[in-house]
């Protein structure tokens, strides 16, 4: 299940908070022309940035630079609650 708790745009900054309790795997790596800030509230995820994979746990803040290849993938725990700017 995907539950979007909030989503919006304030002064050009997109924000969304999503809770997922099912397997969610980004199928492709991607890039943006903007920075990305990812904050994990609960659960765990793997975060691939360029050629390095990081384990992201509650309280972790991930900052992705412009034009940096990245994607997330599940750990053995599918549930996660995150905020993305």
PDB file of N, CA and C in Angstrom:
ATOM      1  N   UNK A   1       0.835  -1.179   0.000  1.00  0.00           N
ATOM      2  CA  UNK A   1       0.000   0.000   0.000  1.00  0.00           C
ATOM      3  C   UNK A   1       0.879   1.241   0.000  1.00  0.00           C
ATOM      4  N   UNK A   2       0.504   2.210  -0.803  1.00  0.00           N
ATOM      5  CA  UNK A   2       1.114   3.539  -0.830  1.00  0.00           C
ATOM      6  C   UNK A   2       0.149   4.499  -0.171  1.00  0.00           C
ATOM      7  N   UNK A   3       0.634   5.253   0.792  1.00  0.00           N
ATOM      8  CA  UNK A   3      -0.219   6.244   1.425  1.00  0.00           C
ATOM      9  C   UNK A   3       0.498   7.589   1.349  1.00  0.00           C
ATOM     10  N   UNK A   4      -0.016   8.510   0.535  1.00  0.00           N
ATOM     11  CA  UNK A   4       0.563   9.844   0.403  1.00  0.00           C
ATOM     12  C   UNK A   4      -0.021  10.691   1.524  1.00  0.00           C
ATOM     13  N   UNK A   5       0.830  11.096   2.473  1.00  0.00           N
ATOM     14  CA  UNK A   5       0.368  11.890   3.603  1.00  0.00           C
ATOM     15  C   UNK A   5       0.340  13.373   3.273  1.00  0.00           C
ATOM     16  N   UNK A   6       1.290  13.821   2.480  1.00  0.00           N
ATOM     17  CA  UNK A   6       1.288  15.217   2.041  1.00  0.00           C
ATOM     18  C   UNK A   6       2.095  15.332   0.761  1.00  0.00           C
ATOM     19  N   UNK A   7       1.699  16.312  -0.040  1.00  0.00           N
ATOM     20  CA  UNK A   7       2.367  16.539  -1.311  1.00  0.00           C
ATOM     21  C   UNK A   7       2.064  17.967  -1.720  1.00  0.00           C
ATOM     22  N   UNK A   8       3.079  18.685  -2.196  1.00  0.00           N
ATOM     23  CA  UNK A   8       2.822  20.047  -2.614  1.00  0.00           C
ATOM     24  C   UNK A   8       4.072  20.751  -3.086  1.00  0.00           C
ATOM     25  N   UNK A   9       3.884  22.009  -3.435  1.00  0.00           N
ATOM     26  CA  UNK A   9       4.962  22.845  -3.941  1.00  0.00           C
ATOM     27  C   UNK A   9       4.859  24.201  -3.248  1.00  0.00           C
ATOM     28  N   UNK A  10       5.938  24.598  -2.596  1.00  0.00           N
ATOM     29  CA  UNK A  10       5.996  25.897  -1.941  1.00  0.00           C
ATOM     30  C   UNK A  10       7.210  26.641  -2.471  1.00  0.00           C
ATOM     31  N   UNK A  11       6.952  27.765  -3.136  1.00  0.00           N
ATOM     32  CA  UNK A  11       8.034  28.594  -3.675  1.00  0.00           C
ATOM     33  C   UNK A  11       9.023  27.793  -4.526  1.00  0.00           C
ATOM     34  N   UNK A  12       8.512  26.888  -5.349  1.00  0.00           N
ATOM     35  CA  UNK A  12       9.355  26.117  -6.257  1.00  0.00           C
ATOM     36  C   UNK A  12       9.997  24.887  -5.647  1.00  0.00           C
ATOM     37  N   UNK A  13       9.703  24.585  -4.399  1.00  0.00           N
ATOM     38  CA  UNK A  13      10.254  23.397  -3.751  1.00  0.00           C
ATOM     39  C   UNK A  13       9.143  22.357  -3.646  1.00  0.00           C
ATOM     40  N   UNK A  14       9.347  21.219  -4.309  1.00  0.00           N
ATOM     41  CA  UNK A  14       8.377  20.123  -4.254  1.00  0.00           C
ATOM     42  C   UNK A  14       8.641  19.301  -3.001  1.00  0.00           C
ATOM     43  N   UNK A  15       7.578  18.907  -2.312  1.00  0.00           N
ATOM     44  CA  UNK A  15       7.688  18.111  -1.107  1.00  0.00           C
ATOM     45  C   UNK A  15       6.630  17.020  -1.143  1.00  0.00           C
ATOM     46  N   UNK A  16       7.037  15.819  -0.700  1.00  0.00           N
ATOM     47  CA  UNK A  16       6.061  14.750  -0.542  1.00  0.00           C
ATOM     48  C   UNK A  16       6.480  13.843   0.604  1.00  0.00           C
ATOM     49  N   UNK A  17       5.473  13.366   1.313  1.00  0.00           N
ATOM     50  CA  UNK A  17       5.693  12.364   2.354  1.00  0.00           C
ATOM     51  C   UNK A  17       4.837  11.167   2.005  1.00  0.00           C
ATOM     52  N   UNK A  18       5.497  10.023   1.878  1.00  0.00           N
ATOM     53  CA  UNK A  18       4.811   8.795   1.482  1.00  0.00           C
ATOM     54  C   UNK A  18       5.189   7.672   2.443  1.00  0.00           C
ATOM     55  N   UNK A  19       4.173   6.895   2.829  1.00  0.00           N
ATOM     56  CA  UNK A  19       4.387   5.665   3.588  1.00  0.00           C
ATOM     57  C   UNK A  19       4.083   4.503   2.648  1.00  0.00           C
ATOM     58  N   UNK A  20       5.002   3.548   2.603  1.00  0.00           N
ATOM     59  CA  UNK A  20       4.792   2.344   1.786  1.00  0.00           C
ATOM     60  C   UNK A  20       4.967   1.127   2.679  1.00  0.00           C
ATOM     61  N   UNK A  21       4.049   0.171   2.540  1.00  0.00           N
ATOM     62  CA  UNK A  21       4.206  -1.072   3.300  1.00  0.00           C
ATOM     63  C   UNK A  21       4.224  -2.287   2.377  1.00  0.00           C
ATOM     64  N   UNK A  22       4.567  -2.047   1.133  1.00  0.00           N
ATOM     65  CA  UNK A  22       4.733  -3.139   0.177  1.00  0.00           C
ATOM     66  C   UNK A  22       6.058  -2.933  -0.546  1.00  0.00           C
ATOM     67  N   UNK A  23       6.477  -3.940  -1.276  1.00  0.00           N
ATOM     68  CA  UNK A  23       7.743  -3.876  -1.988  1.00  0.00           C
ATOM     69  C   UNK A  23       7.711  -2.753  -3.023  1.00  0.00           C
ATOM     70  N   UNK A  24       8.615  -1.800  -2.905  1.00  0.00           N
ATOM     71  CA  UNK A  24       8.739  -0.730  -3.888  1.00  0.00           C
ATOM     72  C   UNK A  24      10.188  -0.668  -4.321  1.00  0.00           C
ATOM     73  N   UNK A  25      10.414  -0.843  -5.622  1.00  0.00           N
ATOM     74  CA  UNK A  25      11.760  -0.829  -6.165  1.00  0.00           C
ATOM     75  C   UNK A  25      11.781   0.080  -7.380  1.00  0.00           C
ATOM     76  N   UNK A  26      12.581   1.123  -7.328  1.00  0.00           N
ATOM     77  CA  UNK A  26      12.742   1.971  -8.514  1.00  0.00           C
ATOM     78  C   UNK A  26      13.445   1.122  -9.567  1.00  0.00           C
ATOM     79  N   UNK A  27      12.864   1.024 -10.739  1.00  0.00           N
ATOM     80  CA  UNK A  27      13.420   0.123 -11.752  1.00  0.00           C
ATOM     81  C   UNK A  27      14.619   0.712 -12.481  1.00  0.00           C
ATOM     82  N   UNK A  28      14.699   2.031 -12.528  1.00  0.00           N
ATOM     83  CA  UNK A  28      15.812   2.643 -13.256  1.00  0.00           C
ATOM     84  C   UNK A  28      16.495   3.729 -12.432  1.00  0.00           C
ATOM     85  N   UNK A  29      17.758   3.880 -12.675  1.00  0.00           N
ATOM     86  CA  UNK A  29      18.504   4.995 -12.104  1.00  0.00           C
ATOM     87  C   UNK A  29      18.064   6.252 -12.834  1.00  0.00           C
ATOM     88  N   UNK A  30      18.139   7.388 -12.165  1.00  0.00           N
ATOM     89  CA  UNK A  30      17.725   8.619 -12.824  1.00  0.00           C
ATOM     90  C   UNK A  30      18.516   9.803 -12.275  1.00  0.00           C
ATOM     91  N   UNK A  31      18.365  10.948 -12.931  1.00  0.00           N
ATOM     92  CA  UNK A  31      19.025  12.187 -12.525  1.00  0.00           C
ATOM     93  C   UNK A  31      18.009  13.321 -12.575  1.00  0.00           C
ATOM     94  N   UNK A  32      18.341  14.424 -11.908  1.00  0.00           N
ATOM     95  CA  UNK A  32      17.511  15.629 -11.916  1.00  0.00           C
ATOM     96  C   UNK A  32      18.399  16.843 -12.160  1.00  0.00           C
ATOM     97  N   UNK A  33      17.782  17.933 -12.573  1.00  0.00           N
ATOM     98  CA  UNK A  33      18.478  19.212 -12.672  1.00  0.00           C
ATOM     99  C   UNK A  33      18.448  19.955 -11.342  1.00  0.00           C
ATOM    100  N   UNK A  34      17.801  19.368 -10.340  1.00  0.00           N
ATOM    101  CA  UNK A  34      17.675  19.972  -9.019  1.00  0.00           C
ATOM    102  C   UNK A  34      18.327  19.065  -7.973  1.00  0.00           C
ATOM    103  N   UNK A  35      18.551  19.623  -6.798  1.00  0.00           N
ATOM    104  CA  UNK A  35      18.996  18.821  -5.660  1.00  0.00           C
ATOM    105  C   UNK A  35      17.830  17.968  -5.180  1.00  0.00           C
ATOM    106  N   UNK A  36      18.141  16.869  -4.502  1.00  0.00           N
ATOM    107  CA  UNK A  36      17.118  16.041  -3.889  1.00  0.00           C
ATOM    108  C   UNK A  36      17.519  15.812  -2.434  1.00  0.00           C
ATOM    109  N   UNK A  37      16.571  15.999  -1.533  1.00  0.00           N
ATOM    110  CA  UNK A  37      16.804  15.754  -0.111  1.00  0.00           C
ATOM    111  C   UNK A  37      15.813  14.686   0.332  1.00  0.00           C
ATOM    112  N   UNK A  38      16.329  13.604   0.890  1.00  0.00           N
ATOM    113  CA  UNK A  38      15.541  12.440   1.284  1.00  0.00           C
ATOM    114  C   UNK A  38      15.767  12.215   2.772  1.00  0.00           C
ATOM    115  N   UNK A  39      14.678  12.181   3.545  1.00  0.00           N
ATOM    116  CA  UNK A  39      14.766  11.943   4.981  1.00  0.00           C
ATOM    117  C   UNK A  39      13.900  10.744   5.325  1.00  0.00           C
ATOM    118  N   UNK A  40      14.500   9.743   5.956  1.00  0.00           N
ATOM    119  CA  UNK A  40      13.771   8.532   6.305  1.00  0.00           C
ATOM    120  C   UNK A  40      13.316   8.597   7.755  1.00  0.00           C
ATOM    121  N   UNK A  41      12.004   8.527   7.951  1.00  0.00           N
ATOM    122  CA  UNK A  41      11.413   8.562   9.286  1.00  0.00           C
ATOM    123  C   UNK A  41      11.354   7.169   9.920  1.00  0.00           C
ATOM    124  N   UNK A  42      10.949   6.168   9.126  1.00  0.00           N
ATOM    125  CA  UNK A  42      10.820   4.793   9.617  1.00  0.00           C
ATOM    126  C   UNK A  42      11.165   3.817   8.507  1.00  0.00           C
ATOM    127  N   UNK A  43      11.568   2.612   8.900  1.00  0.00           N
ATOM    128  CA  UNK A  43      11.885   1.567   7.936  1.00  0.00           C
ATOM    129  C   UNK A  43      13.345   1.624   7.535  1.00  0.00           C
ATOM    130  N   UNK A  44      13.649   1.051   6.392  1.00  0.00           N
ATOM    131  CA  UNK A  44      15.014   1.095   5.858  1.00  0.00           C
ATOM    132  C   UNK A  44      14.950   0.963   4.345  1.00  0.00           C
ATOM    133  N   UNK A  45      15.946   1.529   3.690  1.00  0.00           N
ATOM    134  CA  UNK A  45      16.056   1.487   2.224  1.00  0.00           C
ATOM    135  C   UNK A  45      17.537   1.418   1.863  1.00  0.00           C
ATOM    136  N   UNK A  46      17.794   0.917   0.668  1.00  0.00           N
ATOM    137  CA  UNK A  46      19.124   1.069   0.078  1.00  0.00           C
ATOM    138  C   UNK A  46      19.048   2.242  -0.878  1.00  0.00           C
ATOM    139  N   UNK A  47      20.085   3.059  -0.868  1.00  0.00           N
ATOM    140  CA  UNK A  47      20.134   4.229  -1.748  1.00  0.00           C
ATOM    141  C   UNK A  47      21.392   4.116  -2.590  1.00  0.00           C
ATOM    142  N   UNK A  48      21.225   3.949  -3.898  1.00  0.00           N
ATOM    143  CA  UNK A  48      22.346   3.898  -4.830  1.00  0.00           C
ATOM    144  C   UNK A  48      22.613   5.317  -5.316  1.00  0.00           C
ATOM    145  N   UNK A  49      23.833   5.790  -5.114  1.00  0.00           N
ATOM    146  CA  UNK A  49      24.253   7.109  -5.593  1.00  0.00           C
ATOM    147  C   UNK A  49      25.525   6.887  -6.395  1.00  0.00           C
ATOM    148  N   UNK A  50      25.441   7.216  -7.693  1.00  0.00           N
ATOM    149  CA  UNK A  50      26.524   6.915  -8.627  1.00  0.00           C
ATOM    150  C   UNK A  50      26.804   5.415  -8.565  1.00  0.00           C
ATOM    151  N   UNK A  51      27.967   4.983  -8.088  1.00  0.00           N
ATOM    152  CA  UNK A  51      28.297   3.555  -8.043  1.00  0.00           C
ATOM    153  C   UNK A  51      28.419   3.021  -6.620  1.00  0.00           C
ATOM    154  N   UNK A  52      27.875   3.759  -5.649  1.00  0.00           N
ATOM    155  CA  UNK A  52      27.975   3.367  -4.246  1.00  0.00           C
ATOM    156  C   UNK A  52      26.578   3.155  -3.670  1.00  0.00           C
ATOM    157  N   UNK A  53      26.379   2.060  -2.916  1.00  0.00           N
ATOM    158  CA  UNK A  53      25.105   1.787  -2.273  1.00  0.00           C
ATOM    159  C   UNK A  53      25.227   2.016  -0.771  1.00  0.00           C
ATOM    160  N   UNK A  54      24.226   2.718  -0.214  1.00  0.00           N
ATOM    161  CA  UNK A  54      24.205   3.055   1.210  1.00  0.00           C
ATOM    162  C   UNK A  54      22.947   2.479   1.841  1.00  0.00           C
ATOM    163  N   UNK A  55      23.066   2.002   3.067  1.00  0.00           N
ATOM    164  CA  UNK A  55      21.903   1.586   3.831  1.00  0.00           C
ATOM    165  C   UNK A  55      21.369   2.822   4.547  1.00  0.00           C
ATOM    166  N   UNK A  56      20.100   3.137   4.313  1.00  0.00           N
ATOM    167  CA  UNK A  56      19.462   4.310   4.916  1.00  0.00           C
ATOM    168  C   UNK A  56      18.491   3.806   5.975  1.00  0.00           C
ATOM    169  N   UNK A  57      18.659   4.313   7.195  1.00  0.00           N
ATOM    170  CA  UNK A  57      17.827   3.913   8.327  1.00  0.00           C
ATOM    171  C   UNK A  57      17.161   5.147   8.933  1.00  0.00           C
ATOM    172  N   UNK A  58      16.212   4.955   9.846  1.00  0.00           N
ATOM    173  CA  UNK A  58      15.499   6.105  10.418  1.00  0.00           C
ATOM    174  C   UNK A  58      16.443   7.186  10.946  1.00  0.00           C
ATOM    175  N   UNK A  59      16.131   8.428  10.578  1.00  0.00           N
ATOM    176  CA  UNK A  59      16.948   9.570  10.984  1.00  0.00           C
ATOM    177  C   UNK A  59      18.016   9.943   9.986  1.00  0.00           C
ATOM    178  N   UNK A  60      18.217   9.122   8.950  1.00  0.00           N
ATOM    179  CA  UNK A  60      19.227   9.432   7.932  1.00  0.00           C
ATOM    180  C   UNK A  60      18.709  10.503   6.978  1.00  0.00           C
ATOM    181  N   UNK A  61      19.589  11.408   6.624  1.00  0.00           N
ATOM    182  CA  UNK A  61      19.311  12.456   5.658  1.00  0.00           C
ATOM    183  C   UNK A  61      20.245  12.243   4.481  1.00  0.00           C
ATOM    184  N   UNK A  62      19.682  12.129   3.276  1.00  0.00           N
ATOM    185  CA  UNK A  62      20.469  11.908   2.070  1.00  0.00           C
ATOM    186  C   UNK A  62      20.298  13.133   1.177  1.00  0.00           C
ATOM    187  N   UNK A  63      21.414  13.705   0.737  1.00  0.00           N
ATOM    188  CA  UNK A  63      21.379  14.861  -0.153  1.00  0.00           C
ATOM    189  C   UNK A  63      22.018  14.457  -1.469  1.00  0.00           C
ATOM    190  N   UNK A  64      21.241  14.569  -2.540  1.00  0.00           N
ATOM    191  CA  UNK A  64      21.693  14.197  -3.874  1.00  0.00           C
ATOM    192  C   UNK A  64      21.993  15.477  -4.650  1.00  0.00           C
ATOM    193  N   UNK A  65      23.164  15.546  -5.225  1.00  0.00           N
ATOM    194  CA  UNK A  65      23.571  16.706  -6.003  1.00  0.00           C
ATOM    195  C   UNK A  65      22.853  16.721  -7.353  1.00  0.00           C
ATOM    196  N   UNK A  66      22.842  17.851  -7.995  1.00  0.00           N
ATOM    197  CA  UNK A  66      22.291  17.963  -9.350  1.00  0.00           C
ATOM    198  C   UNK A  66      23.053  17.018 -10.272  1.00  0.00           C
ATOM    199  N   UNK A  67      22.332  16.380 -11.180  1.00  0.00           N
ATOM    200  CA  UNK A  67      22.917  15.500 -12.193  1.00  0.00           C
ATOM    201  C   UNK A  67      23.652  14.292 -11.614  1.00  0.00           C
ATOM    202  N   UNK A  68      23.309  13.876 -10.410  1.00  0.00           N
ATOM    203  CA  UNK A  68      23.920  12.704  -9.795  1.00  0.00           C
ATOM    204  C   UNK A  68      22.979  11.512  -9.977  1.00  0.00           C
ATOM    205  N   UNK A  69      23.492  10.437 -10.536  1.00  0.00           N
ATOM    206  CA  UNK A  69      22.690   9.238 -10.781  1.00  0.00           C
ATOM    207  C   UNK A  69      22.329   8.602  -9.445  1.00  0.00           C
ATOM    208  N   UNK A  70      21.031   8.243  -9.289  1.00  0.00           N
ATOM    209  CA  UNK A  70      20.585   7.668  -8.027  1.00  0.00           C
ATOM    210  C   UNK A  70      19.306   6.861  -8.192  1.00  0.00           C
ATOM    211  N   UNK A  71      19.018   6.035  -7.187  1.00  0.00           N
ATOM    212  CA  UNK A  71      17.760   5.294  -7.087  1.00  0.00           C
ATOM    213  C   UNK A  71      17.706   4.633  -5.734  1.00  0.00           C
ATOM    214  N   UNK A  72      16.494   4.284  -5.283  1.00  0.00           N
ATOM    215  CA  UNK A  72      16.345   3.537  -4.036  1.00  0.00           C
ATOM    216  C   UNK A  72      15.863   2.128  -4.343  1.00  0.00           C
ATOM    217  N   UNK A  73      16.095   1.241  -3.385  1.00  0.00           N
ATOM    218  CA  UNK A  73      15.611  -0.131  -3.512  1.00  0.00           C
ATOM    219  C   UNK A  73      15.316  -0.666  -2.107  1.00  0.00           C
ATOM    220  N   UNK A  74      14.508  -1.714  -2.029  1.00  0.00           N
ATOM    221  CA  UNK A  74      14.079  -2.213  -0.717  1.00  0.00           C
ATOM    222  C   UNK A  74      15.157  -3.015  -0.005  1.00  0.00           C
ATOM    223  N   UNK A  75      15.043  -3.027   1.314  1.00  0.00           N
ATOM    224  CA  UNK A  75      15.791  -3.984   2.127  1.00  0.00           C
ATOM    225  C   UNK A  75      14.822  -5.136   2.390  1.00  0.00           C
ATOM    226  N   UNK A  76      15.130  -5.979   3.348  1.00  0.00           N
ATOM    227  CA  UNK A  76      14.204  -7.073   3.674  1.00  0.00           C
ATOM    228  C   UNK A  76      12.953  -6.558   4.374  1.00  0.00           C
ATOM    229  N   UNK A  77      12.984  -5.285   4.838  1.00  0.00           N
ATOM    230  CA  UNK A  77      11.817  -4.653   5.442  1.00  0.00           C
ATOM    231  C   UNK A  77      11.182  -3.747   4.397  1.00  0.00           C
ATOM    232  N   UNK A  78      10.001  -4.067   3.940  1.00  0.00           N
ATOM    233  CA  UNK A  78       9.374  -3.282   2.878  1.00  0.00           C
ATOM    234  C   UNK A  78       8.784  -1.972   3.374  1.00  0.00           C
ATOM    235  N   UNK A  79       8.357  -1.926   4.639  1.00  0.00           N
ATOM    236  CA  UNK A  79       7.720  -0.727   5.173  1.00  0.00           C
ATOM    237  C   UNK A  79       8.733   0.417   5.283  1.00  0.00           C
ATOM    238  N   UNK A  80       8.342   1.601   4.803  1.00  0.00           N
ATOM    239  CA  UNK A  80       9.139   2.802   5.064  1.00  0.00           C
ATOM    240  C   UNK A  80       8.275   4.049   4.967  1.00  0.00           C
ATOM    241  N   UNK A  81       8.697   5.071   5.681  1.00  0.00           N
ATOM    242  CA  UNK A  81       8.017   6.359   5.757  1.00  0.00           C
ATOM    243  C   UNK A  81       9.091   7.400   5.483  1.00  0.00           C
ATOM    244  N   UNK A  82       8.923   8.150   4.419  1.00  0.00           N
ATOM    245  CA  UNK A  82       9.971   9.089   4.034  1.00  0.00           C
ATOM    246  C   UNK A  82       9.411  10.426   3.586  1.00  0.00           C
ATOM    247  N   UNK A  83      10.285  11.425   3.670  1.00  0.00           N
ATOM    248  CA  UNK A  83       9.987  12.771   3.164  1.00  0.00           C
ATOM    249  C   UNK A  83      11.001  13.067   2.074  1.00  0.00           C
ATOM    250  N   UNK A  84      10.502  13.598   0.965  1.00  0.00           N
ATOM    251  CA  UNK A  84      11.364  13.911  -0.175  1.00  0.00           C
ATOM    252  C   UNK A  84      11.157  15.359  -0.580  1.00  0.00           C
ATOM    253  N   UNK A  85      12.257  16.097  -0.689  1.00  0.00           N
ATOM    254  CA  UNK A  85      12.228  17.481  -1.179  1.00  0.00           C
ATOM    255  C   UNK A  85      13.028  17.553  -2.467  1.00  0.00           C
TER     256      UNK A  85
END
